[in-house]
Amino acid sequence: MLELLKPPALPAAVLNFFSNQPDHFAVAGDMNEEFQERARTAGPAAAKLWYWRETWRNAWALTAREVLRTPGRTFLLALGSLLAVNGLTFGYVAFRYSRWFQYSDVMELVFDPRQSRAFLALQFIVPLCVGWAAGKLHPGREWALVLLFTLISTCLALPGAWYLFVMLKVKLPAQLLQFVSIEISLRLSAFMLGCLWTRRGRISIRPV
């Protein structure tokens, strides 16, 4: 009896990421059967290449299905999460400066190491907690929440950046631009980490 060839680990892990969806195990089982058949007829290298290709094709399909299962509620929860993060950030700034935030305050926040570290820590901790809460409130849609949170953040940020840099032709210090880039990266990655951490406990692994 021929020994079964194991599918590549990385695409198998990507596929298992969607194991909370009802038809995941049927898809994974069919792929594994086809993989073994291709390994016998075309060789292991061709079978692995096929498995990679099919994994990404199915990942796109399963992602679209997760986003479209409850799009309205997912969108509102992603928007609410963004508003919560922005609201808590604004609350911190208002408490810290006790007045309207001015350009000199921005420069102080960026160039003062203690203040910048505190603000960046806030931009990681708050989205992490908000993402965890959103994932708990909307189980099975964590990946969709991450994608919509990122999309809404981008759609809100791009018009402001275009108006600032293209219309007003404002030139900002390089360190300020770097600071904003780090802040955005921290915020998005922390929300994703918090949200997907709740998914981690629901991902199951079954033999296929």
N, C-alpha and C. Protein backbone atom coordinates (compact mmCIF):
# COMPACT_ATOMS: atom_id res chain seq x y z
N MET A 1 0.85 -1.20 0.00
CA MET A 1 0.00 0.00 0.00
C MET A 1 0.88 1.25 0.00
N LEU A 2 0.59 2.16 -0.93
CA LEU A 2 1.39 3.37 -1.03
C LEU A 2 1.10 4.31 0.14
N GLU A 3 2.16 4.90 0.65
CA GLU A 3 2.01 5.85 1.76
C GLU A 3 1.44 7.16 1.23
N LEU A 4 0.46 7.69 1.95
CA LEU A 4 -0.18 8.94 1.54
C LEU A 4 0.79 10.10 1.70
N LEU A 5 0.79 11.00 0.74
CA LEU A 5 1.63 12.19 0.78
C LEU A 5 0.89 13.30 1.51
N LYS A 6 1.58 13.96 2.43
CA LYS A 6 0.97 15.06 3.16
C LYS A 6 0.93 16.32 2.29
N PRO A 7 -0.19 17.04 2.31
CA PRO A 7 -0.25 18.31 1.57
C PRO A 7 0.73 19.31 2.16
N PRO A 8 1.15 20.32 1.40
CA PRO A 8 2.06 21.35 1.93
C PRO A 8 1.47 22.01 3.18
N ALA A 9 2.32 22.26 4.18
CA ALA A 9 1.84 22.72 5.48
C ALA A 9 1.20 24.11 5.42
N LEU A 10 1.83 25.05 4.71
CA LEU A 10 1.33 26.43 4.71
C LEU A 10 -0.05 26.54 4.06
N PRO A 11 -0.25 26.05 2.84
CA PRO A 11 -1.60 26.14 2.27
C PRO A 11 -2.63 25.35 3.07
N ALA A 12 -2.22 24.23 3.67
CA ALA A 12 -3.15 23.47 4.51
C ALA A 12 -3.59 24.30 5.71
N ALA A 13 -2.65 25.09 6.30
CA ALA A 13 -2.98 25.96 7.42
C ALA A 13 -3.91 27.09 6.97
N VAL A 14 -3.67 27.63 5.78
CA VAL A 14 -4.54 28.68 5.23
C VAL A 14 -5.95 28.14 5.06
N LEU A 15 -6.07 26.95 4.52
CA LEU A 15 -7.38 26.34 4.32
C LEU A 15 -8.07 26.07 5.66
N ASN A 16 -7.30 25.63 6.64
CA ASN A 16 -7.87 25.34 7.96
C ASN A 16 -8.35 26.60 8.66
N PHE A 17 -7.83 27.78 8.25
CA PHE A 17 -8.27 29.05 8.81
C PHE A 17 -9.78 29.24 8.64
N PHE A 18 -10.36 28.59 7.61
CA PHE A 18 -11.79 28.73 7.33
C PHE A 18 -12.59 27.53 7.82
N SER A 19 -12.04 26.80 8.79
CA SER A 19 -12.69 25.57 9.23
C SER A 19 -14.00 25.81 9.96
N ASN A 20 -14.29 27.08 10.31
CA ASN A 20 -15.57 27.37 10.96
C ASN A 20 -16.72 27.45 9.96
N GLN A 21 -16.42 27.45 8.67
CA GLN A 21 -17.47 27.50 7.67
C GLN A 21 -18.04 26.11 7.43
N PRO A 22 -19.34 26.02 7.19
CA PRO A 22 -20.02 24.71 7.16
C PRO A 22 -19.44 23.72 6.16
N ASP A 23 -19.07 24.19 4.95
CA ASP A 23 -18.63 23.24 3.92
C ASP A 23 -17.12 23.13 3.83
N HIS A 24 -16.41 23.62 4.85
CA HIS A 24 -14.95 23.60 4.79
C HIS A 24 -14.41 22.18 4.66
N PHE A 25 -14.91 21.27 5.48
CA PHE A 25 -14.34 19.92 5.51
C PHE A 25 -14.66 19.13 4.25
N ALA A 26 -15.78 19.45 3.60
CA ALA A 26 -16.07 18.82 2.31
C ALA A 26 -15.07 19.30 1.26
N VAL A 27 -14.79 20.61 1.26
CA VAL A 27 -13.82 21.18 0.32
C VAL A 27 -12.44 20.60 0.59
N ALA A 28 -12.03 20.59 1.87
CA ALA A 28 -10.71 20.09 2.22
C ALA A 28 -10.57 18.60 1.89
N GLY A 29 -11.64 17.84 2.12
CA GLY A 29 -11.59 16.41 1.80
C GLY A 29 -11.46 16.16 0.31
N ASP A 30 -12.24 16.91 -0.49
CA ASP A 30 -12.15 16.76 -1.95
C ASP A 30 -10.76 17.15 -2.45
N MET A 31 -10.21 18.22 -1.89
CA MET A 31 -8.87 18.65 -2.30
C MET A 31 -7.82 17.61 -1.94
N ASN A 32 -7.96 16.99 -0.78
CA ASN A 32 -6.98 16.00 -0.36
C ASN A 32 -7.03 14.76 -1.26
N GLU A 33 -8.25 14.34 -1.62
CA GLU A 33 -8.38 13.19 -2.52
C GLU A 33 -7.76 13.49 -3.88
N GLU A 34 -8.05 14.69 -4.41
CA GLU A 34 -7.48 15.07 -5.70
C GLU A 34 -5.97 15.20 -5.62
N PHE A 35 -5.48 15.70 -4.48
CA PHE A 35 -4.04 15.85 -4.27
C PHE A 35 -3.35 14.49 -4.31
N GLN A 36 -3.92 13.50 -3.63
CA GLN A 36 -3.33 12.16 -3.62
C GLN A 36 -3.34 11.53 -5.01
N GLU A 37 -4.44 11.76 -5.74
CA GLU A 37 -4.54 11.21 -7.09
C GLU A 37 -3.50 11.86 -8.01
N ARG A 38 -3.35 13.17 -7.91
CA ARG A 38 -2.36 13.86 -8.74
C ARG A 38 -0.93 13.45 -8.36
N ALA A 39 -0.71 13.20 -7.06
CA ALA A 39 0.62 12.77 -6.64
C ALA A 39 0.98 11.42 -7.26
N ARG A 40 -0.03 10.53 -7.42
CA ARG A 40 0.23 9.21 -8.01
C ARG A 40 0.43 9.30 -9.52
N THR A 41 -0.34 10.19 -10.16
CA THR A 41 -0.31 10.22 -11.63
C THR A 41 0.69 11.23 -12.20
N ALA A 42 0.81 12.39 -11.57
CA ALA A 42 1.66 13.46 -12.12
C ALA A 42 2.92 13.69 -11.31
N GLY A 43 2.99 13.11 -10.11
CA GLY A 43 4.17 13.29 -9.28
C GLY A 43 3.93 14.29 -8.15
N PRO A 44 4.72 14.18 -7.07
CA PRO A 44 4.53 15.05 -5.90
C PRO A 44 4.66 16.54 -6.20
N ALA A 45 5.62 16.93 -7.04
CA ALA A 45 5.84 18.35 -7.32
C ALA A 45 4.62 18.96 -7.99
N ALA A 46 4.07 18.29 -8.99
CA ALA A 46 2.89 18.80 -9.69
C ALA A 46 1.68 18.84 -8.75
N ALA A 47 1.57 17.82 -7.88
CA ALA A 47 0.45 17.78 -6.93
C ALA A 47 0.53 18.94 -5.94
N LYS A 48 1.73 19.23 -5.45
CA LYS A 48 1.89 20.33 -4.50
C LYS A 48 1.58 21.68 -5.15
N LEU A 49 2.03 21.84 -6.39
CA LEU A 49 1.74 23.08 -7.12
C LEU A 49 0.23 23.25 -7.29
N TRP A 50 -0.45 22.18 -7.65
CA TRP A 50 -1.90 22.22 -7.79
C TRP A 50 -2.55 22.56 -6.45
N TYR A 51 -2.06 21.99 -5.37
CA TYR A 51 -2.67 22.22 -4.05
C TYR A 51 -2.53 23.69 -3.64
N TRP A 52 -1.35 24.28 -3.90
CA TRP A 52 -1.17 25.70 -3.62
C TRP A 52 -2.19 26.53 -4.40
N ARG A 53 -2.30 26.25 -5.69
CA ARG A 53 -3.21 27.03 -6.53
C ARG A 53 -4.66 26.90 -6.07
N GLU A 54 -5.10 25.69 -5.78
CA GLU A 54 -6.47 25.46 -5.35
C GLU A 54 -6.74 26.07 -3.98
N THR A 55 -5.74 26.05 -3.12
CA THR A 55 -5.92 26.64 -1.78
C THR A 55 -6.22 28.12 -1.89
N TRP A 56 -5.43 28.85 -2.69
CA TRP A 56 -5.67 30.30 -2.80
C TRP A 56 -6.99 30.58 -3.51
N ARG A 57 -7.36 29.76 -4.48
CA ARG A 57 -8.65 29.96 -5.14
C ARG A 57 -9.79 29.76 -4.17
N ASN A 58 -9.71 28.71 -3.36
CA ASN A 58 -10.77 28.46 -2.37
C ASN A 58 -10.74 29.49 -1.24
N ALA A 59 -9.55 29.97 -0.89
CA ALA A 59 -9.46 30.99 0.16
C ALA A 59 -10.18 32.26 -0.27
N TRP A 60 -10.02 32.64 -1.52
CA TRP A 60 -10.76 33.82 -2.02
C TRP A 60 -12.26 33.58 -1.97
N ALA A 61 -12.69 32.41 -2.39
CA ALA A 61 -14.12 32.09 -2.40
C ALA A 61 -14.69 32.06 -0.98
N LEU A 62 -13.96 31.45 -0.05
CA LEU A 62 -14.42 31.36 1.33
C LEU A 62 -14.41 32.72 2.01
N THR A 63 -13.44 33.56 1.65
CA THR A 63 -13.41 34.93 2.18
C THR A 63 -14.64 35.70 1.72
N ALA A 64 -14.94 35.63 0.42
CA ALA A 64 -16.11 36.32 -0.12
C ALA A 64 -17.39 35.82 0.54
N ARG A 65 -17.46 34.52 0.77
CA ARG A 65 -18.64 33.95 1.40
C ARG A 65 -18.80 34.46 2.84
N GLU A 66 -17.68 34.55 3.55
CA GLU A 66 -17.75 35.04 4.94
C GLU A 66 -18.18 36.50 4.98
N VAL A 67 -17.65 37.31 4.06
CA VAL A 67 -18.02 38.73 4.03
C VAL A 67 -19.49 38.91 3.69
N LEU A 68 -20.00 38.08 2.78
CA LEU A 68 -21.36 38.26 2.28
C LEU A 68 -22.42 37.55 3.11
N ARG A 69 -22.02 36.81 4.13
CA ARG A 69 -23.03 36.08 4.92
C ARG A 69 -23.93 37.03 5.68
N THR A 70 -23.36 38.01 6.36
CA THR A 70 -24.15 39.04 7.06
C THR A 70 -23.47 40.38 6.83
N PRO A 71 -23.51 40.90 5.61
CA PRO A 71 -22.72 42.09 5.29
C PRO A 71 -23.12 43.34 6.07
N GLY A 72 -24.43 43.52 6.27
CA GLY A 72 -24.88 44.72 6.98
C GLY A 72 -24.38 44.77 8.42
N ARG A 73 -24.60 43.68 9.14
CA ARG A 73 -24.17 43.65 10.54
C ARG A 73 -22.65 43.71 10.65
N THR A 74 -21.96 43.02 9.76
CA THR A 74 -20.50 43.04 9.80
C THR A 74 -19.96 44.44 9.53
N PHE A 75 -20.55 45.12 8.55
CA PHE A 75 -20.13 46.49 8.23
C PHE A 75 -20.37 47.42 9.42
N LEU A 76 -21.55 47.33 10.03
CA LEU A 76 -21.86 48.21 11.15
C LEU A 76 -20.94 47.95 12.34
N LEU A 77 -20.62 46.69 12.58
CA LEU A 77 -19.73 46.38 13.70
C LEU A 77 -18.30 46.84 13.41
N ALA A 78 -17.85 46.71 12.15
CA ALA A 78 -16.53 47.21 11.78
C ALA A 78 -16.48 48.73 11.91
N LEU A 79 -17.53 49.40 11.45
CA LEU A 79 -17.59 50.87 11.57
C LEU A 79 -17.64 51.28 13.03
N GLY A 80 -18.44 50.58 13.82
CA GLY A 80 -18.51 50.88 15.25
C GLY A 80 -17.17 50.67 15.95
N SER A 81 -16.44 49.64 15.52
CA SER A 81 -15.11 49.39 16.09
C SER A 81 -14.16 50.54 15.77
N LEU A 82 -14.22 51.03 14.53
CA LEU A 82 -13.36 52.15 14.15
C LEU A 82 -13.73 53.41 14.94
N LEU A 83 -15.02 53.66 15.09
CA LEU A 83 -15.45 54.82 15.87
C LEU A 83 -15.02 54.69 17.33
N ALA A 84 -15.07 53.46 17.86
CA ALA A 84 -14.65 53.25 19.25
C ALA A 84 -13.16 53.54 19.41
N VAL A 85 -12.34 53.05 18.47
CA VAL A 85 -10.90 53.30 18.53
C VAL A 85 -10.61 54.79 18.42
N ASN A 86 -11.27 55.45 17.47
CA ASN A 86 -11.06 56.89 17.29
C ASN A 86 -11.56 57.68 18.50
N GLY A 87 -12.69 57.25 19.05
CA GLY A 87 -13.24 57.95 20.21
C GLY A 87 -12.33 57.84 21.43
N LEU A 88 -11.80 56.65 21.67
CA LEU A 88 -10.89 56.48 22.81
C LEU A 88 -9.59 57.24 22.59
N THR A 89 -9.13 57.30 21.35
CA THR A 89 -7.93 58.07 21.04
C THR A 89 -8.17 59.56 21.29
N PHE A 90 -9.32 60.04 20.82
CA PHE A 90 -9.67 61.45 21.04
C PHE A 90 -9.81 61.74 22.53
N GLY A 91 -10.38 60.79 23.28
CA GLY A 91 -10.51 60.98 24.72
C GLY A 91 -9.16 61.09 25.40
N TYR A 92 -8.21 60.27 24.96
CA TYR A 92 -6.86 60.35 25.52
C TYR A 92 -6.23 61.70 25.22
N VAL A 93 -6.36 62.17 23.97
CA VAL A 93 -5.77 63.45 23.59
C VAL A 93 -6.42 64.58 24.36
N ALA A 94 -7.76 64.55 24.49
CA ALA A 94 -8.46 65.61 25.22
C ALA A 94 -8.06 65.62 26.69
N PHE A 95 -7.89 64.43 27.27
CA PHE A 95 -7.48 64.36 28.67
C PHE A 95 -6.04 64.80 28.84
N ARG A 96 -5.20 64.44 27.88
CA ARG A 96 -3.78 64.77 27.99
C ARG A 96 -3.51 66.26 27.85
N TYR A 97 -4.21 66.92 26.94
CA TYR A 97 -3.90 68.33 26.67
C TYR A 97 -4.94 69.30 27.22
N SER A 98 -6.12 68.80 27.54
CA SER A 98 -7.18 69.62 28.16
C SER A 98 -7.50 70.88 27.36
N ARG A 99 -7.31 70.82 26.06
CA ARG A 99 -7.65 71.94 25.18
C ARG A 99 -7.66 71.42 23.74
N TRP A 100 -8.01 72.30 22.79
CA TRP A 100 -8.03 71.90 21.40
C TRP A 100 -6.63 71.53 20.93
N PHE A 101 -6.54 70.39 20.28
CA PHE A 101 -5.25 69.87 19.84
C PHE A 101 -4.66 70.77 18.75
N GLN A 102 -3.46 71.27 18.94
CA GLN A 102 -2.82 72.19 18.01
C GLN A 102 -1.62 71.54 17.33
N TYR A 103 -1.13 72.21 16.28
CA TYR A 103 0.00 71.66 15.53
C TYR A 103 1.23 71.51 16.42
N SER A 104 1.43 72.47 17.33
CA SER A 104 2.58 72.38 18.24
C SER A 104 2.46 71.16 19.14
N ASP A 105 1.23 70.79 19.48
CA ASP A 105 1.03 69.59 20.28
C ASP A 105 1.39 68.34 19.48
N VAL A 106 1.08 68.37 18.19
CA VAL A 106 1.43 67.24 17.32
C VAL A 106 2.94 67.05 17.30
N MET A 107 3.65 68.16 17.12
CA MET A 107 5.11 68.09 17.07
C MET A 107 5.67 67.59 18.40
N GLU A 108 5.08 68.03 19.49
CA GLU A 108 5.53 67.58 20.81
C GLU A 108 5.28 66.08 20.97
N LEU A 109 4.11 65.64 20.47
CA LEU A 109 3.76 64.23 20.58
C LEU A 109 4.72 63.36 19.76
N VAL A 110 5.13 63.85 18.60
CA VAL A 110 5.99 63.08 17.71
C VAL A 110 7.43 63.07 18.20
N PHE A 111 7.94 64.22 18.62
CA PHE A 111 9.37 64.35 18.90
C PHE A 111 9.73 64.07 20.37
N ASP A 112 8.75 64.04 21.25
CA ASP A 112 9.01 63.69 22.64
C ASP A 112 8.93 62.17 22.78
N PRO A 113 10.04 61.48 23.04
CA PRO A 113 10.03 60.01 23.06
C PRO A 113 9.02 59.42 24.04
N ARG A 114 8.90 60.02 25.21
CA ARG A 114 7.98 59.46 26.22
C ARG A 114 6.54 59.58 25.75
N GLN A 115 6.19 60.72 25.20
CA GLN A 115 4.81 60.91 24.73
C GLN A 115 4.52 60.05 23.51
N SER A 116 5.46 59.96 22.60
CA SER A 116 5.23 59.16 21.39
C SER A 116 5.09 57.69 21.74
N ARG A 117 5.88 57.20 22.67
CA ARG A 117 5.77 55.78 23.06
C ARG A 117 4.41 55.51 23.71
N ALA A 118 3.96 56.43 24.55
CA ALA A 118 2.67 56.25 25.21
C ALA A 118 1.53 56.25 24.20
N PHE A 119 1.61 57.16 23.23
CA PHE A 119 0.55 57.25 22.23
C PHE A 119 0.54 56.01 21.33
N LEU A 120 1.70 55.55 20.92
CA LEU A 120 1.76 54.37 20.07
C LEU A 120 1.31 53.12 20.83
N ALA A 121 1.64 53.05 22.12
CA ALA A 121 1.16 51.93 22.94
C ALA A 121 -0.37 51.94 22.99
N LEU A 122 -0.94 53.15 23.11
CA LEU A 122 -2.40 53.27 23.10
C LEU A 122 -2.98 52.80 21.77
N GLN A 123 -2.30 53.13 20.67
CA GLN A 123 -2.78 52.73 19.35
C GLN A 123 -2.64 51.24 19.09
N PHE A 124 -1.95 50.53 19.96
CA PHE A 124 -1.91 49.08 19.87
C PHE A 124 -2.90 48.44 20.84
N ILE A 125 -2.94 48.93 22.06
CA ILE A 125 -3.77 48.30 23.10
C ILE A 125 -5.26 48.48 22.81
N VAL A 126 -5.65 49.70 22.45
CA VAL A 126 -7.08 49.97 22.22
C VAL A 126 -7.63 49.15 21.06
N PRO A 127 -7.01 49.18 19.86
CA PRO A 127 -7.55 48.33 18.78
C PRO A 127 -7.50 46.84 19.09
N LEU A 128 -6.50 46.41 19.86
CA LEU A 128 -6.42 45.00 20.25
C LEU A 128 -7.65 44.61 21.07
N CYS A 129 -8.00 45.43 22.05
CA CYS A 129 -9.17 45.14 22.90
C CYS A 129 -10.47 45.26 22.12
N VAL A 130 -10.58 46.29 21.29
CA VAL A 130 -11.79 46.49 20.49
C VAL A 130 -11.95 45.34 19.49
N GLY A 131 -10.85 44.91 18.87
CA GLY A 131 -10.91 43.78 17.94
C GLY A 131 -11.34 42.50 18.64
N TRP A 132 -10.83 42.27 19.83
CA TRP A 132 -11.22 41.08 20.59
C TRP A 132 -12.71 41.11 20.91
N ALA A 133 -13.21 42.28 21.34
CA ALA A 133 -14.63 42.41 21.66
C ALA A 133 -15.50 42.23 20.42
N ALA A 134 -15.05 42.80 19.28
CA ALA A 134 -15.83 42.66 18.04
C ALA A 134 -15.89 41.21 17.60
N GLY A 135 -14.76 40.49 17.71
CA GLY A 135 -14.76 39.08 17.36
C GLY A 135 -15.68 38.26 18.23
N LYS A 136 -15.75 38.60 19.51
CA LYS A 136 -16.65 37.90 20.43
C LYS A 136 -18.11 38.17 20.10
N LEU A 137 -18.39 39.42 19.66
CA LEU A 137 -19.77 39.79 19.35
C LEU A 137 -20.25 39.21 18.02
N HIS A 138 -19.31 38.88 17.13
CA HIS A 138 -19.69 38.43 15.79
C HIS A 138 -18.90 37.18 15.41
N PRO A 139 -19.09 36.07 16.13
CA PRO A 139 -18.30 34.86 15.87
C PRO A 139 -18.54 34.31 14.47
N GLY A 140 -17.46 33.82 13.88
CA GLY A 140 -17.55 33.29 12.53
C GLY A 140 -17.37 34.32 11.45
N ARG A 141 -17.27 35.61 11.83
CA ARG A 141 -17.08 36.68 10.84
C ARG A 141 -15.83 37.50 11.16
N GLU A 142 -14.90 36.91 11.91
CA GLU A 142 -13.74 37.68 12.36
C GLU A 142 -12.89 38.19 11.19
N TRP A 143 -12.67 37.33 10.21
CA TRP A 143 -11.86 37.72 9.05
C TRP A 143 -12.57 38.82 8.26
N ALA A 144 -13.88 38.69 8.12
CA ALA A 144 -14.66 39.73 7.43
C ALA A 144 -14.58 41.05 8.18
N LEU A 145 -14.61 41.00 9.50
CA LEU A 145 -14.49 42.21 10.31
C LEU A 145 -13.14 42.90 10.08
N VAL A 146 -12.08 42.10 10.04
CA VAL A 146 -10.74 42.66 9.81
C VAL A 146 -10.68 43.35 8.45
N LEU A 147 -11.20 42.69 7.42
CA LEU A 147 -11.14 43.26 6.08
C LEU A 147 -11.96 44.54 5.97
N LEU A 148 -13.16 44.54 6.56
CA LEU A 148 -14.00 45.73 6.48
C LEU A 148 -13.45 46.87 7.34
N PHE A 149 -12.89 46.54 8.50
CA PHE A 149 -12.26 47.57 9.34
C PHE A 149 -11.12 48.25 8.57
N THR A 150 -10.31 47.44 7.89
CA THR A 150 -9.21 47.99 7.09
C THR A 150 -9.73 48.81 5.92
N LEU A 151 -10.77 48.32 5.26
CA LEU A 151 -11.33 49.03 4.11
C LEU A 151 -11.93 50.37 4.53
N ILE A 152 -12.70 50.38 5.61
CA ILE A 152 -13.32 51.63 6.06
C ILE A 152 -12.25 52.62 6.51
N SER A 153 -11.24 52.13 7.22
CA SER A 153 -10.15 53.02 7.65
C SER A 153 -9.46 53.65 6.45
N THR A 154 -9.23 52.85 5.42
CA THR A 154 -8.56 53.36 4.22
C THR A 154 -9.44 54.37 3.49
N CYS A 155 -10.72 54.05 3.35
CA CYS A 155 -11.64 54.94 2.64
C CYS A 155 -11.81 56.28 3.36
N LEU A 156 -11.70 56.28 4.67
CA LEU A 156 -11.81 57.54 5.41
C LEU A 156 -10.49 58.32 5.41
N ALA A 157 -9.37 57.61 5.37
CA ALA A 157 -8.08 58.29 5.45
C ALA A 157 -7.63 58.87 4.11
N LEU A 158 -7.91 58.16 3.02
CA LEU A 158 -7.40 58.59 1.72
C LEU A 158 -7.92 59.96 1.26
N PRO A 159 -9.23 60.26 1.39
CA PRO A 159 -9.68 61.59 0.97
C PRO A 159 -9.01 62.72 1.75
N GLY A 160 -8.83 62.50 3.07
CA GLY A 160 -8.17 63.52 3.88
C GLY A 160 -6.72 63.71 3.47
N ALA A 161 -6.03 62.61 3.19
CA ALA A 161 -4.64 62.71 2.76
C ALA A 161 -4.54 63.39 1.40
N TRP A 162 -5.46 63.05 0.49
CA TRP A 162 -5.46 63.69 -0.84
C TRP A 162 -5.68 65.19 -0.73
N TYR A 163 -6.64 65.58 0.10
CA TYR A 163 -6.92 67.02 0.26
C TYR A 163 -5.74 67.74 0.87
N LEU A 164 -5.09 67.10 1.84
CA LEU A 164 -3.99 67.73 2.54
C LEU A 164 -2.77 67.89 1.65
N PHE A 165 -2.42 66.83 0.93
CA PHE A 165 -1.16 66.84 0.18
C PHE A 165 -1.32 67.36 -1.25
N VAL A 166 -2.48 67.11 -1.87
CA VAL A 166 -2.67 67.50 -3.26
C VAL A 166 -3.31 68.88 -3.38
N MET A 167 -4.39 69.09 -2.65
CA MET A 167 -5.10 70.37 -2.76
C MET A 167 -4.39 71.48 -1.99
N LEU A 168 -4.04 71.22 -0.74
CA LEU A 168 -3.40 72.24 0.08
C LEU A 168 -1.88 72.26 -0.08
N LYS A 169 -1.34 71.21 -0.69
CA LYS A 169 0.11 71.10 -0.92
C LYS A 169 0.92 71.30 0.37
N VAL A 170 0.44 70.65 1.44
CA VAL A 170 1.11 70.74 2.73
C VAL A 170 2.31 69.80 2.73
N LYS A 171 3.45 70.29 3.20
CA LYS A 171 4.65 69.46 3.32
C LYS A 171 4.91 69.22 4.81
N LEU A 172 4.79 67.97 5.19
CA LEU A 172 4.96 67.60 6.59
C LEU A 172 6.36 67.05 6.81
N PRO A 173 6.88 67.21 8.03
CA PRO A 173 8.21 66.64 8.34
C PRO A 173 8.23 65.12 8.12
N ALA A 174 9.36 64.62 7.68
CA ALA A 174 9.49 63.18 7.42
C ALA A 174 9.24 62.36 8.67
N GLN A 175 9.65 62.86 9.82
CA GLN A 175 9.46 62.10 11.06
C GLN A 175 7.98 62.00 11.42
N LEU A 176 7.22 63.06 11.08
CA LEU A 176 5.78 63.01 11.34
C LEU A 176 5.11 61.99 10.44
N LEU A 177 5.50 61.94 9.17
CA LEU A 177 4.94 60.95 8.26
C LEU A 177 5.29 59.53 8.69
N GLN A 178 6.51 59.35 9.17
CA GLN A 178 6.92 58.04 9.67
C GLN A 178 6.11 57.66 10.90
N PHE A 179 5.87 58.63 11.77
CA PHE A 179 5.10 58.38 12.99
C PHE A 179 3.67 57.96 12.64
N VAL A 180 3.06 58.66 11.68
CA VAL A 180 1.70 58.33 11.27
C VAL A 180 1.64 56.94 10.64
N SER A 181 2.65 56.60 9.84
CA SER A 181 2.70 55.26 9.22
C SER A 181 2.78 54.17 10.28
N ILE A 182 3.60 54.39 11.29
CA ILE A 182 3.72 53.41 12.37
C ILE A 182 2.41 53.30 13.13
N GLU A 183 1.78 54.44 13.39
CA GLU A 183 0.51 54.44 14.12
C GLU A 183 -0.55 53.64 13.36
N ILE A 184 -0.68 53.90 12.06
CA ILE A 184 -1.68 53.18 11.26
C ILE A 184 -1.39 51.69 11.22
N SER A 185 -0.13 51.33 11.05
CA SER A 185 0.25 49.91 11.02
C SER A 185 -0.07 49.22 12.34
N LEU A 186 0.24 49.89 13.44
CA LEU A 186 -0.05 49.33 14.76
C LEU A 186 -1.55 49.15 14.95
N ARG A 187 -2.31 50.14 14.56
CA ARG A 187 -3.75 50.10 14.75
C ARG A 187 -4.38 48.95 13.97
N LEU A 188 -4.03 48.82 12.71
CA LEU A 188 -4.63 47.78 11.88
C LEU A 188 -4.18 46.38 12.31
N SER A 189 -2.89 46.24 12.59
CA SER A 189 -2.39 44.92 12.98
C SER A 189 -2.93 44.50 14.35
N ALA A 190 -3.09 45.47 15.26
CA ALA A 190 -3.62 45.14 16.59
C ALA A 190 -5.08 44.72 16.51
N PHE A 191 -5.87 45.42 15.69
CA PHE A 191 -7.27 45.03 15.53
C PHE A 191 -7.36 43.63 14.94
N MET A 192 -6.54 43.35 13.94
CA MET A 192 -6.54 42.02 13.33
C MET A 192 -6.14 40.95 14.35
N LEU A 193 -5.11 41.22 15.13
CA LEU A 193 -4.66 40.25 16.13
C LEU A 193 -5.75 39.99 17.16
N GLY A 194 -6.37 41.06 17.67
CA GLY A 194 -7.42 40.89 18.67
C GLY A 194 -8.62 40.15 18.13
N CYS A 195 -9.02 40.50 16.90
CA CYS A 195 -10.20 39.89 16.30
C CYS A 195 -9.96 38.41 15.98
N LEU A 196 -8.83 38.12 15.37
CA LEU A 196 -8.56 36.75 14.97
C LEU A 196 -8.17 35.86 16.14
N TRP A 197 -7.77 36.46 17.27
CA TRP A 197 -7.48 35.65 18.44
C TRP A 197 -8.73 34.92 18.93
N THR A 198 -9.90 35.57 18.79
CA THR A 198 -11.14 34.91 19.19
C THR A 198 -11.48 33.77 18.23
N ARG A 199 -11.04 33.91 16.98
CA ARG A 199 -11.29 32.85 15.98
C ARG A 199 -10.43 31.63 16.26
N ARG A 200 -9.26 31.87 16.86
CA ARG A 200 -8.30 30.80 17.10
C ARG A 200 -8.91 29.66 17.89
N GLY A 201 -9.73 30.00 18.88
CA GLY A 201 -10.31 28.97 19.72
C GLY A 201 -11.40 28.16 19.02
N ARG A 202 -11.89 28.70 17.88
CA ARG A 202 -12.96 28.00 17.15
C ARG A 202 -12.46 27.26 15.94
N ILE A 203 -11.18 27.42 15.60
CA ILE A 203 -10.61 26.68 14.47
C ILE A 203 -10.37 25.23 14.89
N SER A 204 -10.96 24.32 14.19
CA SER A 204 -10.81 22.90 14.53
C SER A 204 -10.04 22.21 13.41
N ILE A 205 -9.36 21.17 13.78
CA ILE A 205 -8.59 20.39 12.80
C ILE A 205 -9.12 18.97 12.79
N ARG A 206 -9.55 18.53 11.64
CA ARG A 206 -10.02 17.15 11.48
C ARG A 206 -9.21 16.49 10.38
N PRO A 207 -8.99 15.23 10.51
CA PRO A 207 -8.28 14.54 9.43
C PRO A 207 -9.11 14.55 8.16
N VAL A 208 -8.45 14.74 7.01
CA VAL A 208 -9.16 14.75 5.73
C VAL A 208 -8.63 13.63 4.85
